[in-house]
């Protein structure tokens, strides 16, 4: 979560919350440069809402699939550009590699004029 929130804040210009919990309380961005989509494996959507309220705000789009497809979903991270083209899949979208990958994708978007 720290890497996700930090990357979301940096690429989209979202400021951290004003309290000591900083990045945990990010607010939504009206027009994000990169939209994140989290896929939840919790037992119910209410579990996700409780987590967002109590721990990390995750101010981006959410989908709920439940536990039945856990292994399949956990192994997949996908970056799709503004035209719908998949530009990255997998490990480059995890942990400390996430932010550099997103910044590189944004630079490529700008240079191609999209």
C-alpha atoms as a PDB file:
ATOM      1  CA  UNK A   1       0.000   0.000   0.000  1.00  0.00           C
ATOM      2  CA  UNK A   2       2.711   2.579   0.697  1.00  0.00           C
ATOM      3  CA  UNK A   3       4.158   2.160  -2.817  1.00  0.00           C
ATOM      4  CA  UNK A   4       0.710   2.288  -4.449  1.00  0.00           C
ATOM      5  CA  UNK A   5      -0.336   5.420  -2.576  1.00  0.00           C
ATOM      6  CA  UNK A   6       3.012   7.141  -3.173  1.00  0.00           C
ATOM      7  CA  UNK A   7       2.912   6.367  -6.914  1.00  0.00           C
ATOM      8  CA  UNK A   8      -0.734   7.483  -7.219  1.00  0.00           C
ATOM      9  CA  UNK A   9       0.035  10.721  -5.394  1.00  0.00           C
ATOM     10  CA  UNK A  10       3.140  11.493  -7.432  1.00  0.00           C
ATOM     11  CA  UNK A  11       1.823  10.805 -10.947  1.00  0.00           C
ATOM     12  CA  UNK A  12      -1.595  12.351 -10.308  1.00  0.00           C
ATOM     13  CA  UNK A  13      -0.608  15.280  -8.102  1.00  0.00           C
ATOM     14  CA  UNK A  14      -2.634  14.093  -5.118  1.00  0.00           C
ATOM     15  CA  UNK A  15      -1.525  15.592  -1.855  1.00  0.00           C
ATOM     16  CA  UNK A  16      -1.171  13.490   1.263  1.00  0.00           C
ATOM     17  CA  UNK A  17      -3.694  13.953   4.030  1.00  0.00           C
ATOM     18  CA  UNK A  18      -2.999  16.675   6.560  1.00  0.00           C
ATOM     19  CA  UNK A  19      -2.861  14.393   9.581  1.00  0.00           C
ATOM     20  CA  UNK A  20       0.136  12.299  10.584  1.00  0.00           C
ATOM     21  CA  UNK A  21      -1.198   9.397   8.504  1.00  0.00           C
ATOM     22  CA  UNK A  22      -0.173  11.267   5.319  1.00  0.00           C
ATOM     23  CA  UNK A  23      -0.359   8.972   2.310  1.00  0.00           C
ATOM     24  CA  UNK A  24      -2.880   6.704   4.025  1.00  0.00           C
ATOM     25  CA  UNK A  25      -5.553   9.388   3.584  1.00  0.00           C
ATOM     26  CA  UNK A  26      -5.193  10.491  -0.034  1.00  0.00           C
ATOM     27  CA  UNK A  27      -8.196  12.150  -1.574  1.00  0.00           C
ATOM     28  CA  UNK A  28      -9.570  11.445  -5.052  1.00  0.00           C
ATOM     29  CA  UNK A  29      -8.181  13.231  -8.107  1.00  0.00           C
ATOM     30  CA  UNK A  30     -10.736  14.746 -10.486  1.00  0.00           C
ATOM     31  CA  UNK A  31      -8.855  13.900 -13.696  1.00  0.00           C
ATOM     32  CA  UNK A  32      -6.023  11.475 -12.887  1.00  0.00           C
ATOM     33  CA  UNK A  33      -3.184  11.127 -15.396  1.00  0.00           C
ATOM     34  CA  UNK A  34      -3.150   7.421 -14.568  1.00  0.00           C
ATOM     35  CA  UNK A  35      -6.176   5.668 -13.109  1.00  0.00           C
ATOM     36  CA  UNK A  36      -5.590   2.753 -10.788  1.00  0.00           C
ATOM     37  CA  UNK A  37      -8.024  -0.150 -10.515  1.00  0.00           C
ATOM     38  CA  UNK A  38      -7.853  -2.396  -7.460  1.00  0.00           C
ATOM     39  CA  UNK A  39      -9.378  -5.851  -7.631  1.00  0.00           C
ATOM     40  CA  UNK A  40     -10.615  -7.059  -4.267  1.00  0.00           C
ATOM     41  CA  UNK A  41     -10.481 -10.655  -3.105  1.00  0.00           C
ATOM     42  CA  UNK A  42     -12.305  -9.966   0.172  1.00  0.00           C
ATOM     43  CA  UNK A  43     -15.353 -11.970   1.187  1.00  0.00           C
ATOM     44  CA  UNK A  44     -17.659  -8.975   0.668  1.00  0.00           C
ATOM     45  CA  UNK A  45     -17.491  -5.420  -0.703  1.00  0.00           C
ATOM     46  CA  UNK A  46     -18.193  -4.173   2.836  1.00  0.00           C
ATOM     47  CA  UNK A  47     -14.805  -5.565   3.924  1.00  0.00           C
ATOM     48  CA  UNK A  48     -13.124  -3.360   1.319  1.00  0.00           C
ATOM     49  CA  UNK A  49     -15.002  -0.264   2.458  1.00  0.00           C
ATOM     50  CA  UNK A  50     -14.022  -0.944   6.071  1.00  0.00           C
ATOM     51  CA  UNK A  51     -10.365  -1.373   5.080  1.00  0.00           C
ATOM     52  CA  UNK A  52     -10.424   1.902   3.108  1.00  0.00           C
ATOM     53  CA  UNK A  53     -11.984   3.731   6.039  1.00  0.00           C
ATOM     54  CA  UNK A  54      -9.714   2.267   8.740  1.00  0.00           C
ATOM     55  CA  UNK A  55      -6.358   1.777   6.990  1.00  0.00           C
ATOM     56  CA  UNK A  56      -5.692   3.082   3.454  1.00  0.00           C
ATOM     57  CA  UNK A  57      -8.031   5.363   1.486  1.00  0.00           C
ATOM     58  CA  UNK A  58      -7.226   3.898  -1.964  1.00  0.00           C
ATOM     59  CA  UNK A  59      -8.967   6.808  -3.784  1.00  0.00           C
ATOM     60  CA  UNK A  60      -9.160   5.042  -7.123  1.00  0.00           C
ATOM     61  CA  UNK A  61     -11.495   2.626  -8.933  1.00  0.00           C
ATOM     62  CA  UNK A  62     -12.328  -0.713  -7.300  1.00  0.00           C
ATOM     63  CA  UNK A  63     -13.656  -4.036  -8.561  1.00  0.00           C
ATOM     64  CA  UNK A  64     -14.772  -6.973  -6.429  1.00  0.00           C
ATOM     65  CA  UNK A  65     -14.182 -10.602  -7.452  1.00  0.00           C
ATOM     66  CA  UNK A  66     -14.127 -12.451  -4.126  1.00  0.00           C
ATOM     67  CA  UNK A  67     -11.877 -15.364  -3.134  1.00  0.00           C
ATOM     68  CA  UNK A  68     -12.830 -17.816  -5.888  1.00  0.00           C
ATOM     69  CA  UNK A  69     -10.310 -16.344  -8.366  1.00  0.00           C
ATOM     70  CA  UNK A  70      -7.616 -15.328  -5.873  1.00  0.00           C
ATOM     71  CA  UNK A  71      -4.560 -16.982  -7.443  1.00  0.00           C
ATOM     72  CA  UNK A  72      -5.388 -15.796 -10.954  1.00  0.00           C
ATOM     73  CA  UNK A  73      -6.004 -12.206  -9.877  1.00  0.00           C
ATOM     74  CA  UNK A  74      -3.022 -11.937  -7.523  1.00  0.00           C
ATOM     75  CA  UNK A  75      -0.612 -12.881 -10.297  1.00  0.00           C
ATOM     76  CA  UNK A  76      -1.839 -10.179 -12.655  1.00  0.00           C
ATOM     77  CA  UNK A  77      -0.876  -6.504 -12.782  1.00  0.00           C
ATOM     78  CA  UNK A  78      -1.622  -4.691 -16.051  1.00  0.00           C
ATOM     79  CA  UNK A  79      -0.922  -1.158 -17.284  1.00  0.00           C
ATOM     80  CA  UNK A  80      -3.209   0.013 -20.095  1.00  0.00           C
ATOM     81  CA  UNK A  81      -2.603   3.313 -21.913  1.00  0.00           C
ATOM     82  CA  UNK A  82      -5.232   5.911 -22.818  1.00  0.00           C
ATOM     83  CA  UNK A  83      -6.004   4.188 -26.108  1.00  0.00           C
ATOM     84  CA  UNK A  84      -6.637   0.803 -24.486  1.00  0.00           C
ATOM     85  CA  UNK A  85      -3.289  -0.773 -25.411  1.00  0.00           C
ATOM     86  CA  UNK A  86      -1.592  -2.938 -22.764  1.00  0.00           C
ATOM     87  CA  UNK A  87       1.862  -1.407 -22.253  1.00  0.00           C
ATOM     88  CA  UNK A  88       3.146  -3.391 -19.263  1.00  0.00           C
ATOM     89  CA  UNK A  89       2.277  -6.567 -17.379  1.00  0.00           C
ATOM     90  CA  UNK A  90       3.688  -8.118 -14.241  1.00  0.00           C
ATOM     91  CA  UNK A  91       6.627  -7.354 -11.988  1.00  0.00           C
ATOM     92  CA  UNK A  92       7.370  -3.874 -13.351  1.00  0.00           C
ATOM     93  CA  UNK A  93       4.084  -2.818 -11.739  1.00  0.00           C
ATOM     94  CA  UNK A  94       4.996  -3.955  -8.237  1.00  0.00           C
ATOM     95  CA  UNK A  95       6.659  -2.332  -5.236  1.00  0.00           C
ATOM     96  CA  UNK A  96       9.587  -0.003  -5.927  1.00  0.00           C
ATOM     97  CA  UNK A  97       9.409  -0.653  -9.692  1.00  0.00           C
ATOM     98  CA  UNK A  98       5.850   0.746  -9.928  1.00  0.00           C
ATOM     99  CA  UNK A  99       6.591   4.489  -9.905  1.00  0.00           C
ATOM    100  CA  UNK A 100       9.441   4.385 -12.478  1.00  0.00           C
ATOM    101  CA  UNK A 101       7.251   2.250 -14.759  1.00  0.00           C
ATOM    102  CA  UNK A 102       4.343   4.707 -14.501  1.00  0.00           C
ATOM    103  CA  UNK A 103       6.606   7.709 -15.085  1.00  0.00           C
ATOM    104  CA  UNK A 104       8.122   6.031 -18.156  1.00  0.00           C
ATOM    105  CA  UNK A 105       4.625   5.298 -19.517  1.00  0.00           C
ATOM    106  CA  UNK A 106       3.570   8.918 -19.012  1.00  0.00           C
ATOM    107  CA  UNK A 107       6.683  10.162 -20.823  1.00  0.00           C
ATOM    108  CA  UNK A 108       5.944   7.827 -23.740  1.00  0.00           C
ATOM    109  CA  UNK A 109       2.356   9.092 -23.856  1.00  0.00           C
ATOM    110  CA  UNK A 110       3.566  12.703 -23.988  1.00  0.00           C
ATOM    111  CA  UNK A 111       6.226  12.032 -26.618  1.00  0.00           C
ATOM    112  CA  UNK A 112       3.758  10.217 -28.882  1.00  0.00           C
ATOM    113  CA  UNK A 113       1.303  13.110 -28.616  1.00  0.00           C
ATOM    114  CA  UNK A 114      -1.567  10.981 -27.288  1.00  0.00           C
END
